[in-house]
Amino acid sequence: MGFLSVLSTAQKWIAERAGSGDIVIDATAGGGVDTLALAQLVGANGTVYAFDIQQEALDRTAKRLEPFIEQQHIARPKLVLDSHSSMADYIPHIEHGKIAAVMFNLGYLPGGNETVITEPASTIAALQASLQLLRRGGIITCMLYPGHEGGLEEAQAVESWAAALPTDQAQAVIYRQLQRANSPYLIAIERRNA
């Protein structure tokens, strides 16, 4: 049978904490796979914000989601062309502390310009902002890719940040295949305090 993939695990953990009508964030829209999964989870009454620094990524995301929007199964996500580190500036203040889930899928846009990658400084700033935006019991999932150039440094920075979180503020877990050091892995953070 085997274990769930890291992406399936991230989606499962989010689905356990978010549902119809909730507000969720895709911090790295990429090709829209996570944005679509989040949109389907929260449905037509939910809200999805999706961030990316590349217009190509947002265009791919919009194209992937359009058939579902046309069928009125999901609401139109709010696509934002900016760094995930600026997410708090785009989320209305009234929604701060009400976000159910934030997904990060770090690295580069598959099939795009692979020299444009997520960076440790902006990712840590985005993770910190995400934690402040979450409601109690909300979750952050962060897919890490140590196998590409710059990926290992970013993964180590995220691990260090998550490990240093006070336990009264959040709990952090890691899900990875131990026999393959360069394979993608998942860190998840659940907000504990209000």
N, C-alpha and C. Protein backbone atom coordinates (compact mmCIF):
# COMPACT_ATOMS: atom_id res chain seq x y z
N MET A 1 0.82 -1.20 0.00
CA MET A 1 0.00 0.00 0.00
C MET A 1 0.86 1.25 0.00
N GLY A 2 1.82 1.35 0.88
CA GLY A 2 2.73 2.49 0.89
C GLY A 2 2.19 3.69 1.66
N PHE A 3 3.09 4.60 1.95
CA PHE A 3 2.73 5.83 2.63
C PHE A 3 2.14 6.83 1.65
N LEU A 4 1.41 7.79 2.16
CA LEU A 4 0.93 8.89 1.33
C LEU A 4 2.10 9.73 0.86
N SER A 5 1.98 10.31 -0.33
CA SER A 5 3.00 11.25 -0.79
C SER A 5 3.00 12.47 0.12
N VAL A 6 4.05 13.26 0.06
CA VAL A 6 4.10 14.45 0.90
C VAL A 6 2.99 15.43 0.52
N LEU A 7 2.69 15.57 -0.77
CA LEU A 7 1.62 16.48 -1.19
C LEU A 7 0.25 15.97 -0.72
N SER A 8 0.00 14.67 -0.86
CA SER A 8 -1.26 14.09 -0.39
C SER A 8 -1.40 14.25 1.12
N THR A 9 -0.30 14.11 1.83
CA THR A 9 -0.33 14.29 3.28
C THR A 9 -0.66 15.73 3.64
N ALA A 10 -0.04 16.68 2.95
CA ALA A 10 -0.34 18.09 3.20
C ALA A 10 -1.82 18.36 2.96
N GLN A 11 -2.36 17.87 1.86
CA GLN A 11 -3.78 18.08 1.55
C GLN A 11 -4.68 17.42 2.58
N LYS A 12 -4.31 16.24 3.03
CA LYS A 12 -5.10 15.53 4.05
C LYS A 12 -5.12 16.31 5.36
N TRP A 13 -3.97 16.78 5.80
CA TRP A 13 -3.90 17.51 7.06
C TRP A 13 -4.70 18.82 6.98
N ILE A 14 -4.66 19.46 5.83
CA ILE A 14 -5.44 20.69 5.66
C ILE A 14 -6.94 20.36 5.66
N ALA A 15 -7.34 19.30 4.96
CA ALA A 15 -8.75 18.93 4.90
C ALA A 15 -9.31 18.57 6.28
N GLU A 16 -8.45 18.15 7.18
CA GLU A 16 -8.88 17.84 8.55
C GLU A 16 -9.14 19.11 9.37
N ARG A 17 -8.68 20.27 8.88
CA ARG A 17 -8.77 21.51 9.66
C ARG A 17 -9.52 22.64 8.96
N ALA A 18 -9.83 22.45 7.69
CA ALA A 18 -10.51 23.50 6.92
C ALA A 18 -11.65 22.87 6.13
N GLY A 19 -12.65 23.69 5.82
CA GLY A 19 -13.79 23.15 5.08
C GLY A 19 -14.58 24.24 4.39
N SER A 20 -15.78 23.90 4.03
CA SER A 20 -16.66 24.78 3.27
C SER A 20 -16.81 26.15 3.95
N GLY A 21 -16.62 27.19 3.15
CA GLY A 21 -16.79 28.55 3.63
C GLY A 21 -15.58 29.17 4.29
N ASP A 22 -14.51 28.40 4.47
CA ASP A 22 -13.31 28.92 5.14
C ASP A 22 -12.48 29.81 4.23
N ILE A 23 -11.53 30.50 4.83
CA ILE A 23 -10.57 31.34 4.12
C ILE A 23 -9.22 30.62 4.16
N VAL A 24 -8.60 30.45 3.01
CA VAL A 24 -7.34 29.73 2.90
C VAL A 24 -6.39 30.48 1.97
N ILE A 25 -5.10 30.15 2.05
CA ILE A 25 -4.09 30.83 1.25
C ILE A 25 -3.17 29.81 0.59
N ASP A 26 -2.92 29.99 -0.70
CA ASP A 26 -1.85 29.29 -1.39
C ASP A 26 -0.72 30.30 -1.52
N ALA A 27 0.32 30.12 -0.74
CA ALA A 27 1.42 31.10 -0.69
C ALA A 27 2.29 31.07 -1.93
N THR A 28 2.22 29.98 -2.70
CA THR A 28 3.06 29.82 -3.90
C THR A 28 2.20 29.16 -4.98
N ALA A 29 1.48 29.94 -5.74
CA ALA A 29 0.48 29.40 -6.67
C ALA A 29 1.05 28.42 -7.69
N GLY A 30 2.23 28.70 -8.23
CA GLY A 30 2.82 27.79 -9.21
C GLY A 30 1.86 27.48 -10.34
N GLY A 31 1.62 26.20 -10.60
CA GLY A 31 0.72 25.79 -11.67
C GLY A 31 -0.73 25.68 -11.25
N GLY A 32 -1.04 26.00 -9.98
CA GLY A 32 -2.42 26.02 -9.54
C GLY A 32 -2.94 24.73 -8.93
N VAL A 33 -2.11 23.72 -8.80
CA VAL A 33 -2.56 22.44 -8.24
C VAL A 33 -3.05 22.63 -6.80
N ASP A 34 -2.25 23.29 -5.97
CA ASP A 34 -2.66 23.52 -4.58
C ASP A 34 -3.82 24.50 -4.50
N THR A 35 -3.81 25.52 -5.35
CA THR A 35 -4.90 26.49 -5.35
C THR A 35 -6.23 25.80 -5.64
N LEU A 36 -6.23 24.91 -6.62
CA LEU A 36 -7.45 24.17 -6.95
C LEU A 36 -7.89 23.28 -5.79
N ALA A 37 -6.96 22.56 -5.19
CA ALA A 37 -7.31 21.69 -4.05
C ALA A 37 -7.91 22.51 -2.91
N LEU A 38 -7.33 23.66 -2.63
CA LEU A 38 -7.87 24.53 -1.58
C LEU A 38 -9.25 25.06 -1.95
N ALA A 39 -9.41 25.48 -3.21
CA ALA A 39 -10.69 26.01 -3.67
C ALA A 39 -11.79 24.96 -3.60
N GLN A 40 -11.47 23.74 -3.96
CA GLN A 40 -12.46 22.66 -3.87
C GLN A 40 -12.81 22.37 -2.42
N LEU A 41 -11.85 22.49 -1.55
CA LEU A 41 -12.07 22.24 -0.12
C LEU A 41 -13.02 23.27 0.48
N VAL A 42 -12.81 24.55 0.17
CA VAL A 42 -13.64 25.59 0.80
C VAL A 42 -14.90 25.91 0.00
N GLY A 43 -14.98 25.45 -1.24
CA GLY A 43 -16.19 25.57 -2.03
C GLY A 43 -16.53 26.97 -2.48
N ALA A 44 -17.73 27.08 -3.03
CA ALA A 44 -18.18 28.35 -3.62
C ALA A 44 -18.36 29.45 -2.59
N ASN A 45 -18.52 29.08 -1.32
CA ASN A 45 -18.70 30.08 -0.26
C ASN A 45 -17.41 30.43 0.46
N GLY A 46 -16.32 29.78 0.08
CA GLY A 46 -15.03 30.04 0.70
C GLY A 46 -14.24 31.10 -0.05
N THR A 47 -13.08 31.42 0.51
CA THR A 47 -12.19 32.41 -0.11
C THR A 47 -10.79 31.82 -0.19
N VAL A 48 -10.20 31.94 -1.38
CA VAL A 48 -8.82 31.49 -1.60
C VAL A 48 -7.99 32.66 -2.10
N TYR A 49 -6.88 32.91 -1.43
CA TYR A 49 -5.88 33.86 -1.91
C TYR A 49 -4.71 33.02 -2.44
N ALA A 50 -4.19 33.39 -3.61
CA ALA A 50 -3.04 32.69 -4.19
C ALA A 50 -2.00 33.72 -4.60
N PHE A 51 -0.78 33.53 -4.13
CA PHE A 51 0.33 34.45 -4.37
C PHE A 51 1.38 33.81 -5.26
N ASP A 52 1.97 34.62 -6.12
CA ASP A 52 3.16 34.20 -6.86
C ASP A 52 3.84 35.44 -7.40
N ILE A 53 5.16 35.35 -7.57
CA ILE A 53 5.92 36.48 -8.10
C ILE A 53 6.02 36.44 -9.62
N GLN A 54 5.48 35.38 -10.24
CA GLN A 54 5.54 35.24 -11.69
C GLN A 54 4.13 35.26 -12.28
N GLN A 55 3.92 36.15 -13.24
CA GLN A 55 2.62 36.23 -13.91
C GLN A 55 2.29 34.91 -14.60
N GLU A 56 3.30 34.24 -15.14
CA GLU A 56 3.08 32.95 -15.81
C GLU A 56 2.42 31.96 -14.85
N ALA A 57 2.85 31.94 -13.61
CA ALA A 57 2.27 31.03 -12.62
C ALA A 57 0.80 31.38 -12.37
N LEU A 58 0.51 32.65 -12.22
CA LEU A 58 -0.89 33.05 -11.99
C LEU A 58 -1.76 32.76 -13.21
N ASP A 59 -1.20 32.93 -14.39
CA ASP A 59 -1.95 32.61 -15.62
C ASP A 59 -2.27 31.11 -15.68
N ARG A 60 -1.29 30.28 -15.35
CA ARG A 60 -1.52 28.83 -15.32
C ARG A 60 -2.58 28.47 -14.28
N THR A 61 -2.50 29.11 -13.14
CA THR A 61 -3.46 28.85 -12.07
C THR A 61 -4.87 29.22 -12.52
N ALA A 62 -5.01 30.40 -13.10
CA ALA A 62 -6.32 30.85 -13.58
C ALA A 62 -6.89 29.88 -14.61
N LYS A 63 -6.05 29.42 -15.53
CA LYS A 63 -6.50 28.49 -16.57
C LYS A 63 -6.95 27.16 -15.96
N ARG A 64 -6.21 26.66 -14.98
CA ARG A 64 -6.55 25.40 -14.33
C ARG A 64 -7.89 25.49 -13.60
N LEU A 65 -8.18 26.64 -12.99
CA LEU A 65 -9.37 26.80 -12.17
C LEU A 65 -10.62 27.21 -12.94
N GLU A 66 -10.45 27.78 -14.13
CA GLU A 66 -11.59 28.35 -14.86
C GLU A 66 -12.76 27.38 -15.07
N PRO A 67 -12.53 26.13 -15.47
CA PRO A 67 -13.69 25.23 -15.65
C PRO A 67 -14.49 25.03 -14.36
N PHE A 68 -13.83 25.00 -13.23
CA PHE A 68 -14.51 24.81 -11.95
C PHE A 68 -15.28 26.06 -11.54
N ILE A 69 -14.73 27.22 -11.88
CA ILE A 69 -15.42 28.49 -11.59
C ILE A 69 -16.67 28.59 -12.46
N GLU A 70 -16.52 28.25 -13.74
CA GLU A 70 -17.66 28.32 -14.67
C GLU A 70 -18.80 27.41 -14.23
N GLN A 71 -18.47 26.27 -13.64
CA GLN A 71 -19.49 25.33 -13.15
C GLN A 71 -20.00 25.72 -11.76
N GLN A 72 -19.47 26.82 -11.22
CA GLN A 72 -19.87 27.36 -9.93
C GLN A 72 -19.60 26.40 -8.76
N HIS A 73 -18.59 25.55 -8.92
CA HIS A 73 -18.20 24.65 -7.84
C HIS A 73 -17.26 25.34 -6.86
N ILE A 74 -16.58 26.38 -7.34
CA ILE A 74 -15.64 27.12 -6.50
C ILE A 74 -15.81 28.62 -6.77
N ALA A 75 -15.41 29.41 -5.80
CA ALA A 75 -15.38 30.85 -5.99
C ALA A 75 -14.11 31.22 -6.76
N ARG A 76 -14.12 32.37 -7.40
CA ARG A 76 -12.93 32.83 -8.12
C ARG A 76 -11.86 33.21 -7.10
N PRO A 77 -10.70 32.54 -7.11
CA PRO A 77 -9.64 32.89 -6.17
C PRO A 77 -9.10 34.29 -6.42
N LYS A 78 -8.58 34.88 -5.40
CA LYS A 78 -7.94 36.18 -5.50
C LYS A 78 -6.46 35.93 -5.80
N LEU A 79 -6.07 36.16 -7.05
CA LEU A 79 -4.70 35.91 -7.50
C LEU A 79 -3.87 37.18 -7.32
N VAL A 80 -2.76 37.06 -6.63
CA VAL A 80 -1.95 38.23 -6.28
C VAL A 80 -0.54 38.07 -6.83
N LEU A 81 -0.13 39.02 -7.67
CA LEU A 81 1.22 39.03 -8.23
C LEU A 81 2.13 39.78 -7.26
N ASP A 82 2.66 39.06 -6.31
CA ASP A 82 3.57 39.63 -5.31
C ASP A 82 4.18 38.49 -4.52
N SER A 83 5.19 38.81 -3.76
CA SER A 83 5.85 37.82 -2.92
C SER A 83 4.93 37.35 -1.81
N HIS A 84 5.07 36.09 -1.45
CA HIS A 84 4.30 35.56 -0.32
C HIS A 84 4.64 36.28 0.98
N SER A 85 5.80 36.90 1.03
CA SER A 85 6.19 37.64 2.25
C SER A 85 5.31 38.86 2.48
N SER A 86 4.58 39.30 1.45
CA SER A 86 3.70 40.47 1.56
C SER A 86 2.24 40.08 1.79
N MET A 87 1.97 38.81 2.05
CA MET A 87 0.58 38.34 2.10
C MET A 87 -0.29 39.11 3.09
N ALA A 88 0.24 39.48 4.23
CA ALA A 88 -0.58 40.16 5.24
C ALA A 88 -1.10 41.50 4.72
N ASP A 89 -0.39 42.10 3.77
CA ASP A 89 -0.83 43.37 3.19
C ASP A 89 -2.06 43.21 2.30
N TYR A 90 -2.29 42.00 1.79
CA TYR A 90 -3.39 41.76 0.87
C TYR A 90 -4.62 41.12 1.53
N ILE A 91 -4.44 40.60 2.71
CA ILE A 91 -5.55 39.98 3.43
C ILE A 91 -6.24 41.07 4.24
N PRO A 92 -7.53 41.31 4.03
CA PRO A 92 -8.21 42.34 4.81
C PRO A 92 -8.01 42.13 6.31
N HIS A 93 -7.82 43.22 7.01
CA HIS A 93 -7.53 43.14 8.44
C HIS A 93 -8.59 42.33 9.20
N ILE A 94 -9.83 42.43 8.77
CA ILE A 94 -10.92 41.71 9.44
C ILE A 94 -10.75 40.19 9.34
N GLU A 95 -9.96 39.72 8.35
CA GLU A 95 -9.72 38.29 8.17
C GLU A 95 -8.47 37.81 8.90
N HIS A 96 -7.68 38.72 9.45
CA HIS A 96 -6.49 38.31 10.22
C HIS A 96 -6.95 37.51 11.43
N GLY A 97 -6.30 36.39 11.66
CA GLY A 97 -6.68 35.51 12.76
C GLY A 97 -7.84 34.58 12.41
N LYS A 98 -8.27 34.58 11.15
CA LYS A 98 -9.40 33.75 10.72
C LYS A 98 -9.03 32.77 9.60
N ILE A 99 -7.78 32.77 9.20
CA ILE A 99 -7.36 31.90 8.10
C ILE A 99 -7.27 30.46 8.60
N ALA A 100 -7.87 29.53 7.86
CA ALA A 100 -7.89 28.13 8.26
C ALA A 100 -6.61 27.39 7.88
N ALA A 101 -6.03 27.75 6.72
CA ALA A 101 -4.86 27.01 6.24
C ALA A 101 -4.05 27.86 5.26
N VAL A 102 -2.74 27.63 5.29
CA VAL A 102 -1.83 28.25 4.33
C VAL A 102 -0.93 27.14 3.79
N MET A 103 -0.88 27.01 2.46
CA MET A 103 -0.03 26.01 1.81
C MET A 103 1.16 26.69 1.14
N PHE A 104 2.33 26.13 1.37
CA PHE A 104 3.55 26.54 0.68
C PHE A 104 4.05 25.33 -0.10
N ASN A 105 4.43 25.54 -1.34
CA ASN A 105 5.06 24.52 -2.18
C ASN A 105 6.27 25.22 -2.79
N LEU A 106 7.39 25.14 -2.08
CA LEU A 106 8.56 25.96 -2.39
C LEU A 106 9.32 25.45 -3.60
N GLY A 107 10.33 26.21 -3.99
CA GLY A 107 11.18 25.83 -5.12
C GLY A 107 11.00 26.74 -6.31
N TYR A 108 10.67 26.14 -7.46
CA TYR A 108 10.53 26.89 -8.70
C TYR A 108 9.29 26.42 -9.44
N LEU A 109 8.89 27.18 -10.44
CA LEU A 109 7.73 26.85 -11.26
C LEU A 109 8.11 25.73 -12.23
N PRO A 110 7.56 24.53 -12.07
CA PRO A 110 7.88 23.44 -13.00
C PRO A 110 7.54 23.82 -14.43
N GLY A 111 8.49 23.60 -15.32
CA GLY A 111 8.30 23.94 -16.72
C GLY A 111 8.48 25.42 -17.02
N GLY A 112 8.83 26.20 -16.00
CA GLY A 112 9.06 27.63 -16.17
C GLY A 112 10.53 27.95 -16.02
N ASN A 113 10.81 29.17 -15.65
CA ASN A 113 12.18 29.62 -15.44
C ASN A 113 12.68 29.08 -14.11
N GLU A 114 13.52 28.05 -14.16
CA GLU A 114 13.98 27.38 -12.95
C GLU A 114 15.03 28.17 -12.19
N THR A 115 15.43 29.31 -12.71
CA THR A 115 16.36 30.16 -11.95
C THR A 115 15.61 31.07 -10.99
N VAL A 116 14.31 31.20 -11.17
CA VAL A 116 13.48 31.97 -10.24
C VAL A 116 12.99 31.00 -9.18
N ILE A 117 13.57 31.12 -7.98
CA ILE A 117 13.25 30.19 -6.90
C ILE A 117 12.80 30.97 -5.66
N THR A 118 12.12 30.27 -4.78
CA THR A 118 11.79 30.87 -3.50
C THR A 118 13.08 31.02 -2.70
N GLU A 119 13.13 32.04 -1.87
CA GLU A 119 14.35 32.38 -1.13
C GLU A 119 14.09 32.28 0.36
N PRO A 120 15.10 31.86 1.14
CA PRO A 120 14.90 31.70 2.59
C PRO A 120 14.36 32.94 3.29
N ALA A 121 14.87 34.11 3.00
CA ALA A 121 14.45 35.31 3.74
C ALA A 121 12.97 35.61 3.53
N SER A 122 12.52 35.58 2.26
CA SER A 122 11.10 35.88 2.01
C SER A 122 10.20 34.75 2.49
N THR A 123 10.69 33.52 2.42
CA THR A 123 9.89 32.39 2.89
C THR A 123 9.69 32.45 4.40
N ILE A 124 10.75 32.75 5.15
CA ILE A 124 10.61 32.84 6.61
C ILE A 124 9.68 34.00 6.97
N ALA A 125 9.80 35.12 6.28
CA ALA A 125 8.89 36.25 6.53
C ALA A 125 7.45 35.84 6.23
N ALA A 126 7.23 35.08 5.17
CA ALA A 126 5.89 34.62 4.81
C ALA A 126 5.35 33.63 5.83
N LEU A 127 6.20 32.74 6.30
CA LEU A 127 5.76 31.79 7.33
C LEU A 127 5.36 32.50 8.61
N GLN A 128 6.13 33.50 8.99
CA GLN A 128 5.81 34.26 10.20
C GLN A 128 4.48 35.00 10.02
N ALA A 129 4.29 35.60 8.85
CA ALA A 129 3.02 36.28 8.57
C ALA A 129 1.87 35.28 8.59
N SER A 130 2.08 34.11 8.01
CA SER A 130 1.05 33.08 7.98
C SER A 130 0.61 32.68 9.38
N LEU A 131 1.57 32.51 10.25
CA LEU A 131 1.26 32.11 11.62
C LEU A 131 0.39 33.15 12.31
N GLN A 132 0.65 34.42 12.03
CA GLN A 132 -0.15 35.49 12.63
C GLN A 132 -1.55 35.57 12.01
N LEU A 133 -1.69 35.16 10.75
CA LEU A 133 -2.99 35.19 10.08
C LEU A 133 -3.89 34.03 10.45
N LEU A 134 -3.29 32.92 10.89
CA LEU A 134 -4.06 31.71 11.19
C LEU A 134 -4.98 31.88 12.39
N ARG A 135 -6.09 31.14 12.34
CA ARG A 135 -6.95 31.01 13.51
C ARG A 135 -6.38 29.90 14.40
N ARG A 136 -6.87 29.83 15.61
CA ARG A 136 -6.45 28.75 16.50
C ARG A 136 -6.85 27.41 15.86
N GLY A 137 -5.93 26.47 15.80
CA GLY A 137 -6.17 25.19 15.15
C GLY A 137 -5.91 25.21 13.66
N GLY A 138 -5.60 26.40 13.11
CA GLY A 138 -5.26 26.50 11.69
C GLY A 138 -3.91 25.88 11.41
N ILE A 139 -3.65 25.60 10.15
CA ILE A 139 -2.44 24.86 9.77
C ILE A 139 -1.69 25.53 8.63
N ILE A 140 -0.37 25.43 8.70
CA ILE A 140 0.53 25.80 7.61
C ILE A 140 1.19 24.51 7.15
N THR A 141 1.17 24.25 5.85
CA THR A 141 1.96 23.14 5.31
C THR A 141 3.02 23.72 4.39
N CYS A 142 4.20 23.17 4.46
CA CYS A 142 5.33 23.71 3.70
C CYS A 142 6.08 22.56 3.04
N MET A 143 5.94 22.46 1.72
CA MET A 143 6.67 21.45 0.94
C MET A 143 8.07 21.99 0.65
N LEU A 144 9.07 21.19 1.01
CA LEU A 144 10.47 21.59 0.86
C LEU A 144 11.17 20.69 -0.16
N TYR A 145 12.07 21.29 -0.94
CA TYR A 145 12.75 20.57 -2.02
C TYR A 145 14.26 20.76 -1.89
N PRO A 146 14.92 19.95 -1.08
CA PRO A 146 16.36 20.14 -0.88
C PRO A 146 17.23 19.73 -2.07
N GLY A 147 16.64 19.12 -3.09
CA GLY A 147 17.42 18.59 -4.20
C GLY A 147 17.79 19.58 -5.29
N HIS A 148 17.24 20.79 -5.29
CA HIS A 148 17.61 21.76 -6.33
C HIS A 148 18.52 22.83 -5.75
N GLU A 149 19.19 23.56 -6.60
CA GLU A 149 20.11 24.59 -6.14
C GLU A 149 19.37 25.62 -5.31
N GLY A 150 19.85 25.84 -4.09
CA GLY A 150 19.22 26.77 -3.16
C GLY A 150 18.16 26.12 -2.29
N GLY A 151 17.70 24.95 -2.68
CA GLY A 151 16.62 24.27 -1.94
C GLY A 151 17.03 23.77 -0.57
N LEU A 152 18.24 23.26 -0.46
CA LEU A 152 18.71 22.74 0.83
C LEU A 152 18.82 23.86 1.86
N GLU A 153 19.36 24.98 1.44
CA GLU A 153 19.50 26.12 2.36
C GLU A 153 18.12 26.61 2.83
N GLU A 154 17.18 26.65 1.91
CA GLU A 154 15.83 27.09 2.27
C GLU A 154 15.18 26.08 3.22
N ALA A 155 15.33 24.79 2.92
CA ALA A 155 14.76 23.75 3.77
C ALA A 155 15.33 23.84 5.19
N GLN A 156 16.65 24.03 5.29
CA GLN A 156 17.27 24.14 6.61
C GLN A 156 16.78 25.37 7.37
N ALA A 157 16.57 26.47 6.66
CA ALA A 157 16.07 27.69 7.30
C ALA A 157 14.65 27.47 7.82
N VAL A 158 13.81 26.82 7.02
CA VAL A 158 12.43 26.56 7.44
C VAL A 158 12.41 25.61 8.64
N GLU A 159 13.21 24.57 8.58
CA GLU A 159 13.29 23.63 9.71
C GLU A 159 13.72 24.34 10.99
N SER A 160 14.74 25.17 10.89
CA SER A 160 15.22 25.90 12.07
C SER A 160 14.16 26.83 12.62
N TRP A 161 13.46 27.53 11.73
CA TRP A 161 12.40 28.44 12.15
C TRP A 161 11.29 27.66 12.88
N ALA A 162 10.84 26.57 12.27
CA ALA A 162 9.75 25.79 12.85
C ALA A 162 10.15 25.17 14.19
N ALA A 163 11.39 24.67 14.26
CA ALA A 163 11.85 24.03 15.50
C ALA A 163 11.95 25.03 16.66
N ALA A 164 12.16 26.30 16.34
CA ALA A 164 12.31 27.32 17.38
C ALA A 164 10.99 27.93 17.84
N LEU A 165 9.87 27.55 17.22
CA LEU A 165 8.59 28.12 17.62
C LEU A 165 8.26 27.71 19.06
N PRO A 166 7.79 28.64 19.88
CA PRO A 166 7.38 28.28 21.24
C PRO A 166 6.21 27.30 21.18
N THR A 167 6.24 26.27 22.00
CA THR A 167 5.21 25.23 21.95
C THR A 167 3.84 25.73 22.39
N ASP A 168 3.79 26.84 23.12
CA ASP A 168 2.47 27.38 23.47
C ASP A 168 1.86 28.17 22.30
N GLN A 169 2.68 28.49 21.31
CA GLN A 169 2.21 29.20 20.13
C GLN A 169 1.83 28.25 19.00
N ALA A 170 2.63 27.22 18.79
CA ALA A 170 2.40 26.31 17.67
C ALA A 170 3.11 24.99 17.91
N GLN A 171 2.62 23.97 17.23
CA GLN A 171 3.35 22.70 17.21
C GLN A 171 3.76 22.41 15.77
N ALA A 172 4.95 21.88 15.59
CA ALA A 172 5.49 21.63 14.26
C ALA A 172 5.85 20.15 14.13
N VAL A 173 5.56 19.61 12.93
CA VAL A 173 5.91 18.22 12.65
C VAL A 173 6.61 18.16 11.30
N ILE A 174 7.31 17.06 11.09
CA ILE A 174 8.01 16.85 9.83
C ILE A 174 7.62 15.47 9.28
N TYR A 175 7.46 15.39 7.97
CA TYR A 175 7.08 14.14 7.30
C TYR A 175 8.02 13.98 6.11
N ARG A 176 8.87 12.95 6.19
CA ARG A 176 9.83 12.77 5.10
C ARG A 176 10.28 11.33 4.99
N GLN A 177 10.79 10.99 3.80
CA GLN A 177 11.37 9.68 3.57
C GLN A 177 12.83 9.74 3.99
N LEU A 178 13.20 8.96 4.96
CA LEU A 178 14.54 9.05 5.54
C LEU A 178 15.64 8.49 4.64
N GLN A 179 15.32 7.57 3.75
CA GLN A 179 16.36 6.95 2.92
C GLN A 179 16.80 7.80 1.74
N ARG A 180 16.09 8.88 1.45
CA ARG A 180 16.43 9.72 0.29
C ARG A 180 16.57 11.16 0.77
N ALA A 181 17.80 11.57 1.02
CA ALA A 181 18.06 12.88 1.61
C ALA A 181 17.59 14.04 0.73
N ASN A 182 17.57 13.86 -0.58
CA ASN A 182 17.19 14.95 -1.48
C ASN A 182 15.72 14.93 -1.90
N SER A 183 14.95 13.98 -1.39
CA SER A 183 13.55 13.93 -1.80
C SER A 183 12.75 15.03 -1.10
N PRO A 184 11.66 15.47 -1.73
CA PRO A 184 10.82 16.50 -1.12
C PRO A 184 10.29 16.02 0.22
N TYR A 185 10.08 16.96 1.13
CA TYR A 185 9.47 16.61 2.41
C TYR A 185 8.60 17.74 2.90
N LEU A 186 7.88 17.45 3.96
CA LEU A 186 6.82 18.33 4.45
C LEU A 186 7.06 18.73 5.90
N ILE A 187 6.89 20.01 6.16
CA ILE A 187 6.81 20.50 7.53
C ILE A 187 5.42 21.11 7.67
N ALA A 188 4.76 20.81 8.78
CA ALA A 188 3.45 21.39 9.05
C ALA A 188 3.47 22.03 10.43
N ILE A 189 2.78 23.14 10.53
CA ILE A 189 2.71 23.92 11.78
C ILE A 189 1.24 24.16 12.08
N GLU A 190 0.82 23.81 13.27
CA GLU A 190 -0.55 24.05 13.71
C GLU A 190 -0.53 25.13 14.79
N ARG A 191 -1.34 26.16 14.60
CA ARG A 191 -1.40 27.23 15.59
C ARG A 191 -2.17 26.76 16.82
N ARG A 192 -1.58 27.01 17.96
CA ARG A 192 -2.20 26.56 19.21
C ARG A 192 -2.94 27.66 19.94
N ASN A 193 -2.33 28.83 20.08
CA ASN A 193 -2.98 29.89 20.86
C ASN A 193 -3.80 30.78 19.94
N ALA A 194 -4.69 31.54 20.54
CA ALA A 194 -5.55 32.42 19.74
C ALA A 194 -4.86 33.72 19.41
